[in-house]
Amino acid sequence: MKHIPFIRTVLGDLTPAEMGLTYSHEHIIIDESFPTLGNPLFLLNDMDRISKELSSFYLAGGRTMVDTMPANCGRNPHKLAEVSRRSQVNIIMATGIHLEMYYVPNHWRYAYSEDQLTQLFIDDVTLGVDENDYNGPFINRSAYKAGMVKLATGDEKITLHQETIFHAVVNTHLETGVPILTHTNFGKHAMDQVILFEKLGAKLDHIVISHVDRYRDIDYNRALLQTGVKVEYDSAFRWKEEENWTYKLLQTLLPEFPDQITMGMDAAKNNYWKTYGGQPGLNFLLTTFKEDLRKMGLESYYEAIFVKNPAELYSFSAI
């Protein structure tokens, strides 16, 4: 039977053509949770403010955002669905597991087997995310399904526990066709991630490695792209007085790898949102960055970065 590509959003499935201009790595909702106890700036749960900022994004031409908060660290499927309805912005919700620092030390992630984690992720993709995001003991499936599976590595080499997460994520990817997104700390261990993905048989063209524009090495980024994975750059607005390495990487690598680079804001702190009184606001990539791309002579790649590449990446692959 022929596979028909689709994008799975919190409000239902879309064709890739319906995805439109897409931010590939965002944090739209971070509800009260262990991460927000550690840093109140992570708290993003004011529905009016969030809906207003996303509505501004929609009016400026944006259509889709990928929310990258995975299981049990602030994810809320009902709130994601509500702000999607209110703003008209399509939202892709994540399953998977984030960095260890965003979970209590005795969290269930450490006790569950590869098979149990796999089933949890598959159920999020195919049945719907638990209404209470596994703060349980009871599970009540919502109607809202995940459209991406996430994992994360930190500063240290990939641990045995993280390898279990890798196995469960790839199992889910191969079983359902769901795309994979990863977190790196400033691009560290991105190549190690790819090596493990290759070993496990994942489809590299449906994997995106995030935050690698913080790794200040053109050859490293080039070698990563040569493996066939996609990368996500999100620090264009973060460089202050120092050289803007996001721009430097784009100038060098976009002409070489126009089909593999995506971008987002990763605006996980409320002081980046205009509706919370912060800067630069989520429209930065639609305004300041777009003009900067024109000044660099790279405006012809804008559609690839924000439309073509995300549509290919976030389509469920044939299984």
Protein backbone atom coordinates (compact mmCIF):
# COMPACT_ATOMS: atom_id res chain seq x y z
CA MET A 1 0.00 0.00 0.00
CA LYS A 2 1.35 3.44 -0.94
CA HIS A 3 2.39 5.64 1.98
CA ILE A 4 0.75 9.08 1.97
CA PRO A 5 2.90 11.59 3.89
CA PHE A 6 1.22 13.46 6.73
CA ILE A 7 2.04 15.83 9.57
CA ARG A 8 0.50 15.01 12.97
CA THR A 9 -0.55 18.14 14.88
CA VAL A 10 -2.28 18.42 18.21
CA LEU A 11 -5.59 19.13 16.42
CA GLY A 12 -5.22 16.42 13.80
CA ASP A 13 -3.27 15.34 10.75
CA LEU A 14 -2.32 17.68 7.90
CA THR A 15 -0.78 17.20 4.49
CA PRO A 16 2.79 18.55 4.23
CA ALA A 17 1.49 21.31 1.93
CA GLU A 18 -0.81 22.56 4.70
CA MET A 19 2.06 22.99 7.15
CA GLY A 20 3.19 26.36 5.80
CA LEU A 21 5.88 28.49 7.41
CA THR A 22 7.23 26.53 10.36
CA TYR A 23 9.37 27.16 13.42
CA SER A 24 11.08 23.83 14.04
CA HIS A 25 11.92 24.05 17.76
CA GLU A 26 9.76 25.95 20.25
CA HIS A 27 8.43 25.79 23.79
CA ILE A 28 4.85 27.03 23.67
CA ILE A 29 3.52 25.55 26.91
CA ILE A 30 5.59 24.73 29.97
CA ASP A 31 3.13 24.14 32.76
CA GLU A 32 3.97 24.16 36.48
CA SER A 33 6.40 21.30 36.91
CA PHE A 34 9.83 20.35 38.19
CA PRO A 35 11.62 22.54 35.58
CA THR A 36 9.61 25.64 36.51
CA LEU A 37 10.32 25.11 40.21
CA GLY A 38 14.02 25.35 39.39
CA ASN A 39 13.65 28.36 37.09
CA PRO A 40 10.43 30.42 37.11
CA LEU A 41 11.38 31.93 33.73
CA PHE A 42 10.49 28.55 32.21
CA LEU A 43 6.84 28.98 33.23
CA LEU A 44 4.77 29.42 30.07
CA ASN A 45 1.14 28.73 30.94
CA ASP A 46 -0.73 32.05 30.61
CA MET A 47 -3.19 31.13 27.90
CA ASP A 48 -4.10 34.72 26.98
CA ARG A 49 -0.50 35.85 26.59
CA ILE A 50 0.54 32.75 24.68
CA SER A 51 -2.47 32.91 22.37
CA LYS A 52 -1.81 36.60 21.69
CA GLU A 53 1.86 35.99 20.79
CA LEU A 54 0.97 33.06 18.53
CA SER A 55 -1.80 35.08 16.88
CA SER A 56 0.78 37.75 16.05
CA PHE A 57 2.98 35.01 14.54
CA TYR A 58 0.02 33.84 12.44
CA LEU A 59 -0.81 37.36 11.23
CA ALA A 60 2.84 37.80 10.20
CA GLY A 61 2.65 34.68 8.02
CA GLY A 62 3.61 31.90 10.42
CA ARG A 63 1.54 28.75 10.33
CA THR A 64 3.14 25.93 12.38
CA MET A 65 5.28 25.53 15.49
CA VAL A 66 6.90 22.42 16.91
CA ASP A 67 6.53 22.30 20.68
CA THR A 68 9.48 20.34 22.06
CA MET A 69 8.46 19.69 25.68
CA PRO A 70 8.24 15.88 25.91
CA ALA A 71 6.68 13.61 28.54
CA ASN A 72 6.18 14.66 32.15
CA CYS A 73 8.21 17.87 32.40
CA GLY A 74 5.62 20.58 31.79
CA ARG A 75 3.74 19.26 28.74
CA ASN A 76 0.00 19.90 28.70
CA PRO A 77 -1.97 18.56 25.71
CA HIS A 78 -5.19 20.45 26.52
CA LYS A 79 -3.44 23.81 26.76
CA LEU A 80 -1.53 23.18 23.52
CA ALA A 81 -4.80 22.34 21.79
CA GLU A 82 -6.50 25.46 23.19
CA VAL A 83 -3.81 27.91 22.08
CA SER A 84 -3.75 26.22 18.68
CA ARG A 85 -7.49 26.80 18.31
CA ARG A 86 -7.32 30.37 19.56
CA SER A 87 -4.34 31.42 17.43
CA GLN A 88 -4.94 29.21 14.33
CA VAL A 89 -1.29 28.11 14.56
CA ASN A 90 -0.71 24.40 13.94
CA ILE A 91 1.21 22.82 16.83
CA ILE A 92 3.19 19.58 16.70
CA MET A 93 3.38 18.05 20.18
CA ALA A 94 6.30 15.94 21.41
CA THR A 95 6.60 12.65 23.18
CA GLY A 96 9.90 11.22 24.43
CA ILE A 97 12.16 12.22 27.32
CA HIS A 98 14.15 15.41 28.00
CA LEU A 99 17.44 15.94 29.86
CA GLU A 100 17.80 14.34 33.27
CA MET A 101 18.00 17.78 34.95
CA TYR A 102 14.31 18.36 34.17
CA TYR A 103 13.13 15.38 36.25
CA VAL A 104 13.24 14.50 39.94
CA PRO A 105 16.08 12.09 40.81
CA ASN A 106 13.73 9.15 41.45
CA HIS A 107 11.58 9.73 38.35
CA TRP A 108 9.89 6.75 36.65
CA ARG A 109 12.08 7.28 33.55
CA TYR A 110 14.91 5.48 35.40
CA ALA A 111 12.78 2.47 36.35
CA TYR A 112 11.01 1.78 33.06
CA SER A 113 12.44 -0.75 30.63
CA GLU A 114 13.09 -0.14 26.95
CA ASP A 115 9.87 -1.96 26.10
CA GLN A 116 7.83 0.08 28.59
CA LEU A 117 9.22 3.38 27.33
CA THR A 118 8.62 2.29 23.75
CA GLN A 119 4.98 1.50 24.49
CA LEU A 120 4.50 4.82 26.28
CA PHE A 121 5.89 6.77 23.32
CA ILE A 122 3.91 4.74 20.77
CA ASP A 123 0.70 5.28 22.73
CA ASP A 124 1.34 9.04 22.77
CA VAL A 125 1.68 8.99 18.98
CA THR A 126 -1.16 6.61 18.12
CA LEU A 127 -3.72 6.88 20.95
CA GLY A 128 -3.28 10.28 22.58
CA VAL A 129 -1.27 11.88 25.37
CA ASP A 130 -2.38 11.30 28.95
CA GLU A 131 -4.48 14.23 30.21
CA ASN A 132 -2.30 14.48 33.33
CA ASP A 133 0.94 13.78 31.45
CA TYR A 134 1.78 10.68 33.49
CA ASN A 135 1.61 12.44 36.83
CA GLY A 136 -0.88 9.56 37.39
CA PRO A 137 -1.45 6.79 38.93
CA PHE A 138 -4.30 6.58 36.41
CA ILE A 139 -3.97 7.26 32.69
CA ASN A 140 -6.76 9.05 30.86
CA ARG A 141 -5.96 9.39 27.17
CA SER A 142 -6.75 12.74 25.60
CA ALA A 143 -7.68 13.07 21.93
CA TYR A 144 -4.40 14.89 21.28
CA LYS A 145 -1.57 12.88 19.73
CA ALA A 146 2.15 13.51 19.58
CA GLY A 147 3.71 14.17 16.17
CA MET A 148 7.39 13.98 17.11
CA VAL A 149 9.55 11.97 19.52
CA LYS A 150 12.39 13.64 21.42
CA LEU A 151 15.50 12.63 23.30
CA ALA A 152 18.35 14.59 24.87
CA THR A 153 22.01 14.24 25.76
CA GLY A 154 24.03 16.56 27.98
CA ASP A 155 27.66 17.49 28.50
CA GLU A 156 28.77 14.00 29.43
CA LYS A 157 29.19 11.12 27.01
CA ILE A 158 26.01 9.22 26.23
CA THR A 159 25.12 7.14 29.30
CA LEU A 160 23.64 3.65 29.51
CA HIS A 161 20.34 5.14 30.67
CA GLN A 162 20.31 7.50 27.70
CA GLU A 163 21.03 4.56 25.40
CA THR A 164 17.82 2.96 26.70
CA ILE A 165 15.97 6.14 25.73
CA PHE A 166 17.62 6.02 22.27
CA HIS A 167 16.42 2.45 21.77
CA ALA A 168 12.85 3.30 22.81
CA VAL A 169 12.80 6.42 20.61
CA VAL A 170 14.09 4.54 17.55
CA ASN A 171 11.67 1.66 18.21
CA THR A 172 8.82 4.20 18.20
CA HIS A 173 10.16 5.88 15.06
CA LEU A 174 10.45 2.59 13.17
CA GLU A 175 7.07 1.32 14.36
CA THR A 176 5.03 4.47 13.63
CA GLY A 177 7.11 6.53 11.18
CA VAL A 178 7.17 9.46 13.64
CA PRO A 179 10.10 11.89 13.14
CA ILE A 180 12.83 12.32 15.77
CA LEU A 181 14.15 15.55 17.31
CA THR A 182 17.11 15.67 19.67
CA HIS A 183 18.50 18.13 22.18
CA THR A 184 22.24 18.70 22.43
CA ASN A 185 24.04 20.94 24.89
CA PHE A 186 25.60 23.51 22.57
CA GLY A 187 25.97 20.87 19.86
CA LYS A 188 28.03 18.51 22.02
CA HIS A 189 27.88 14.81 21.13
CA ALA A 190 25.79 15.45 18.02
CA MET A 191 28.00 13.11 16.02
CA ASP A 192 27.75 10.47 18.76
CA GLN A 193 23.98 10.73 18.50
CA VAL A 194 24.10 10.14 14.74
CA ILE A 195 26.44 7.15 15.13
CA LEU A 196 24.01 5.54 17.58
CA PHE A 197 21.01 6.33 15.37
CA GLU A 198 22.77 4.68 12.41
CA LYS A 199 23.56 1.61 14.52
CA LEU A 200 19.89 1.33 15.54
CA GLY A 201 18.61 1.66 11.97
CA ALA A 202 16.85 5.02 12.24
CA LYS A 203 16.06 6.99 9.08
CA LEU A 204 18.52 9.87 9.25
CA ASP A 205 16.55 12.14 6.92
CA HIS A 206 13.74 12.14 9.50
CA ILE A 207 16.00 13.19 12.39
CA VAL A 208 16.82 16.76 13.38
CA ILE A 209 19.66 17.60 15.78
CA SER A 210 18.99 20.83 17.69
CA HIS A 211 21.15 23.69 18.98
CA VAL A 212 24.25 22.87 16.93
CA ASP A 213 24.74 26.49 15.86
CA ARG A 214 26.14 26.97 19.37
CA TYR A 215 29.06 24.70 18.39
CA ARG A 216 31.50 27.22 16.94
CA ASP A 217 33.08 25.02 14.33
CA ILE A 218 32.10 25.08 10.64
CA ASP A 219 33.80 21.77 9.88
CA TYR A 220 31.95 20.06 12.74
CA ASN A 221 28.60 21.32 11.47
CA ARG A 222 29.54 20.34 7.91
CA ALA A 223 30.50 16.80 8.97
CA LEU A 224 27.20 16.49 10.80
CA LEU A 225 25.22 17.55 7.73
CA GLN A 226 27.20 15.18 5.54
CA THR A 227 25.67 12.26 7.48
CA GLY A 228 22.25 13.18 6.05
CA VAL A 229 20.52 14.35 9.23
CA LYS A 230 18.83 17.72 9.44
CA VAL A 231 19.99 20.37 11.88
CA GLU A 232 18.05 23.04 13.73
CA TYR A 233 19.63 26.43 14.46
CA ASP A 234 17.98 28.66 17.07
CA SER A 235 20.51 31.11 18.48
CA ALA A 236 20.39 33.87 15.85
CA PHE A 237 18.93 36.28 18.44
CA ARG A 238 21.17 35.12 21.32
CA TRP A 239 24.57 36.33 20.09
CA LYS A 240 25.17 39.77 21.57
CA GLU A 241 28.51 41.56 21.25
CA GLU A 242 30.33 38.46 20.06
CA GLU A 243 30.32 37.21 16.48
CA ASN A 244 26.98 35.78 15.37
CA TRP A 245 27.92 32.16 14.70
CA THR A 246 24.43 31.28 13.53
CA TYR A 247 24.86 33.74 10.66
CA LYS A 248 28.42 32.59 10.01
CA LEU A 249 27.29 28.96 9.73
CA LEU A 250 24.36 29.86 7.48
CA GLN A 251 26.57 31.87 5.13
CA THR A 252 28.93 28.93 4.70
CA LEU A 253 26.63 25.91 4.88
CA LEU A 254 23.27 26.94 3.40
CA PRO A 255 24.62 26.88 -0.19
CA GLU A 256 26.10 23.42 0.48
CA PHE A 257 23.16 21.88 2.35
CA PRO A 258 20.03 23.84 1.40
CA ASP A 259 17.73 20.87 2.10
CA GLN A 260 18.90 20.07 5.64
CA ILE A 261 18.81 23.25 7.72
CA THR A 262 15.79 24.29 9.78
CA MET A 263 15.37 27.05 12.33
CA GLY A 264 13.45 28.01 15.42
CA MET A 265 13.62 30.30 18.43
CA ASP A 266 13.76 27.77 21.30
CA ALA A 267 12.22 30.59 23.34
CA ALA A 268 11.75 28.51 26.47
CA LYS A 269 11.92 31.49 28.86
CA ASN A 270 9.02 33.88 29.23
CA ASN A 271 11.36 36.90 29.10
CA TYR A 272 11.84 36.17 25.37
CA TRP A 273 8.11 36.71 24.72
CA LYS A 274 6.74 40.20 24.01
CA THR A 275 3.41 39.36 25.63
CA TYR A 276 5.29 38.65 28.87
CA GLY A 277 7.12 41.98 28.55
CA GLY A 278 10.29 40.44 27.09
CA GLN A 279 12.36 40.57 23.92
CA PRO A 280 12.82 39.87 21.05
CA GLY A 281 9.41 38.21 20.65
CA LEU A 282 8.56 35.15 18.60
CA ASN A 283 8.25 37.10 15.34
CA PHE A 284 12.01 37.72 15.27
CA LEU A 285 12.62 35.13 12.54
CA LEU A 286 9.85 36.64 10.41
CA THR A 287 11.18 40.18 10.68
CA THR A 288 14.74 40.97 11.83
CA PHE A 289 16.19 37.62 10.79
CA LYS A 290 14.49 37.68 7.39
CA GLU A 291 16.01 41.11 6.71
CA ASP A 292 19.42 39.94 7.93
CA LEU A 293 19.20 36.96 5.57
CA ARG A 294 18.53 39.37 2.72
CA LYS A 295 21.54 41.47 3.68
CA MET A 296 23.71 38.33 3.61
CA GLY A 297 22.43 37.46 0.13
CA LEU A 298 20.72 34.33 1.42
CA GLU A 299 17.07 35.34 1.00
CA SER A 300 16.55 32.68 -1.69
CA TYR A 301 16.92 30.01 1.03
CA TYR A 302 14.19 31.40 3.30
CA GLU A 303 11.45 29.14 1.96
CA ALA A 304 13.64 26.05 2.22
CA ILE A 305 14.49 26.79 5.86
CA PHE A 306 10.94 27.51 6.98
CA VAL A 307 8.65 25.63 4.57
CA LYS A 308 10.23 22.91 2.44
CA ASN A 309 12.68 21.39 4.94
CA PRO A 310 10.28 21.25 7.93
CA ALA A 311 7.55 19.71 5.74
CA GLU A 312 9.92 16.93 4.70
CA LEU A 313 11.36 16.45 8.18
CA TYR A 314 8.13 16.36 10.15
CA SER A 315 6.23 14.13 7.71
CA PHE A 316 5.76 10.63 9.06
CA SER A 317 8.09 8.37 7.11
CA ALA A 318 6.93 5.25 5.28
CA ILE A 319 6.89 2.16 7.49
